[in-house]
Amino acid sequence: MNNLKEYLLYPVITSAVCSGIIAFADWKRGSLESIWWYLVAAFIMYAVLAVSRFLVCGEKK
């Protein structure tokens, strides 16, 4: 269960929060683009975080 949190849950939360902050800031300035750009950005950020976490921490034998 701990590995599931490390490799799945934490990157999802981080990418969602960061993309949400950027989307909110753009909305407040009135320059909000299509919401799909923020979803794509969140997915790319999640992929980078998950892969890098797996490569750095990895499974120890």
Protein backbone atom coordinates (compact mmCIF):
# COMPACT_ATOMS: atom_id res chain seq x y z
CA MET A 1 0.00 0.00 0.00
CA ASN A 2 2.88 2.36 0.74
CA ASN A 3 4.28 1.89 -2.79
CA LEU A 4 0.87 2.73 -4.25
CA LYS A 5 0.86 6.02 -2.37
CA GLU A 6 4.40 6.86 -3.39
CA TYR A 7 4.08 6.04 -7.07
CA LEU A 8 0.46 6.95 -7.76
CA LEU A 9 -1.21 9.13 -5.17
CA TYR A 10 1.44 11.76 -4.40
CA PRO A 11 2.18 12.63 -8.06
CA VAL A 12 -1.55 12.87 -8.81
CA ILE A 13 -2.13 15.26 -5.93
CA THR A 14 0.92 17.37 -6.78
CA SER A 15 0.07 17.70 -10.47
CA ALA A 16 -3.60 18.47 -9.77
CA VAL A 17 -2.77 21.15 -7.20
CA CYS A 18 -0.13 22.83 -9.39
CA SER A 19 -2.33 22.83 -12.48
CA GLY A 20 -5.29 24.07 -10.42
CA ILE A 21 -3.28 26.98 -9.07
CA ILE A 22 -2.15 27.95 -12.56
CA ALA A 23 -5.69 27.66 -13.94
CA PHE A 24 -7.10 29.73 -11.08
CA ALA A 25 -4.47 32.43 -11.57
CA ASP A 26 -5.21 32.59 -15.30
CA TRP A 27 -8.95 32.72 -14.59
CA LYS A 28 -8.48 35.64 -12.17
CA ARG A 29 -6.45 37.54 -14.79
CA GLY A 30 -9.05 36.80 -17.43
CA SER A 31 -6.64 34.87 -19.64
CA LEU A 32 -7.97 31.37 -19.08
CA GLU A 33 -7.44 29.20 -22.15
CA SER A 34 -9.34 26.01 -22.86
CA ILE A 35 -9.52 23.77 -19.81
CA TRP A 36 -8.06 20.94 -21.90
CA TRP A 37 -4.64 22.63 -21.88
CA TYR A 38 -4.60 22.48 -18.09
CA LEU A 39 -5.68 18.83 -18.08
CA VAL A 40 -2.93 17.96 -20.57
CA ALA A 41 -0.42 19.90 -18.46
CA ALA A 42 -1.54 18.02 -15.33
CA PHE A 43 -1.19 14.67 -17.11
CA ILE A 44 2.30 15.52 -18.40
CA MET A 45 3.34 16.70 -14.94
CA TYR A 46 1.97 13.50 -13.42
CA ALA A 47 3.88 11.36 -15.93
CA VAL A 48 7.14 13.18 -15.26
CA LEU A 49 6.72 12.97 -11.48
CA ALA A 50 5.74 9.29 -11.49
CA VAL A 51 8.52 8.18 -13.83
CA SER A 52 11.18 10.24 -12.06
CA ARG A 53 10.07 8.96 -8.66
CA PHE A 54 10.24 5.39 -9.92
CA LEU A 55 13.67 5.94 -11.47
CA VAL A 56 15.12 7.66 -8.42
CA CYS A 57 13.60 5.49 -5.70
CA GLY A 58 13.07 2.30 -7.69
CA GLU A 59 12.41 -1.12 -6.29
CA LYS A 60 15.15 -2.18 -3.94
CA LYS A 61 16.06 -5.85 -3.97
